[in-house]
Protein backbone atom coordinates (compact mmCIF):
# COMPACT_ATOMS: atom_id res chain seq x y z
CA UNK A 1 111.05 96.98 82.04
CA UNK A 2 110.38 99.77 79.59
CA UNK A 3 106.75 100.83 79.61
CA UNK A 4 105.80 98.99 82.79
CA UNK A 5 103.66 100.77 85.32
CA UNK A 6 105.09 99.91 88.74
CA UNK A 7 103.04 100.89 91.77
CA UNK A 8 104.24 101.45 95.31
CA UNK A 9 102.79 99.52 98.25
CA UNK A 10 101.09 102.76 99.28
CA UNK A 11 99.46 103.21 95.87
CA UNK A 12 98.22 99.60 95.83
CA UNK A 13 96.83 99.95 99.36
CA UNK A 14 94.97 103.12 98.42
CA UNK A 15 93.59 101.55 95.24
CA UNK A 16 92.26 98.51 97.13
CA UNK A 17 91.20 100.48 100.24
CA UNK A 18 93.28 98.31 102.59
CA UNK A 19 96.23 98.99 104.88
CA UNK A 20 99.79 98.91 103.61
CA UNK A 21 100.53 96.12 106.09
CA UNK A 22 97.89 94.00 104.35
CA UNK A 23 99.60 94.52 101.00
CA UNK A 24 102.98 93.60 102.49
CA UNK A 25 101.45 90.45 104.00
CA UNK A 26 100.00 89.44 100.63
CA UNK A 27 103.41 90.02 99.02
CA UNK A 28 105.22 88.06 101.74
CA UNK A 29 102.72 85.18 101.41
CA UNK A 30 103.17 85.31 97.60
CA UNK A 31 99.49 86.01 97.05
CA UNK A 32 100.41 89.24 95.23
CA UNK A 33 103.43 89.37 92.90
CA UNK A 34 105.91 92.16 93.57
CA UNK A 35 109.42 93.24 92.70
CA UNK A 36 111.79 94.25 95.48
CA UNK A 37 113.67 97.42 94.60
CA UNK A 38 116.10 98.25 97.36
CA UNK A 39 114.11 98.20 100.59
CA UNK A 40 110.76 98.77 98.89
CA UNK A 41 108.39 96.65 96.84
CA UNK A 42 106.75 97.60 93.57
CA UNK A 43 103.72 95.90 92.06
CA UNK A 44 103.28 95.79 88.30
CA UNK A 45 99.89 97.22 87.35
CA UNK A 46 99.18 94.09 85.23
CA UNK A 47 99.89 91.85 88.24
CA UNK A 48 97.56 93.95 90.37
CA UNK A 49 94.83 93.65 87.73
CA UNK A 50 95.28 89.86 87.66
CA UNK A 51 95.13 89.74 91.46
CA UNK A 52 91.88 91.73 91.44
CA UNK A 53 90.34 89.53 88.73
CA UNK A 54 91.31 86.36 90.60
CA UNK A 55 89.65 87.64 93.77
CA UNK A 56 86.48 89.08 92.27
CA UNK A 57 85.46 85.96 90.34
CA UNK A 58 84.78 83.92 93.48
C-alpha cells in the first residue's frame, strides 16, 4: 500500500464532474475498482486512470 494515491468517492466525482451517487453505482456494478475502508470506498489513482482510458477510447 505504500506510495499509493487513494482517492475518496468525493474526489473521484469532482475529477470526473459527476455525482457521488454515480461513482458509487459504478463501484457497486464493478465498473470502477475500489477498496472498501470501513464504511467508505477509496479508488486507487491508477485504477481511475485505467477507467478513464477505457472509456475515452470508444
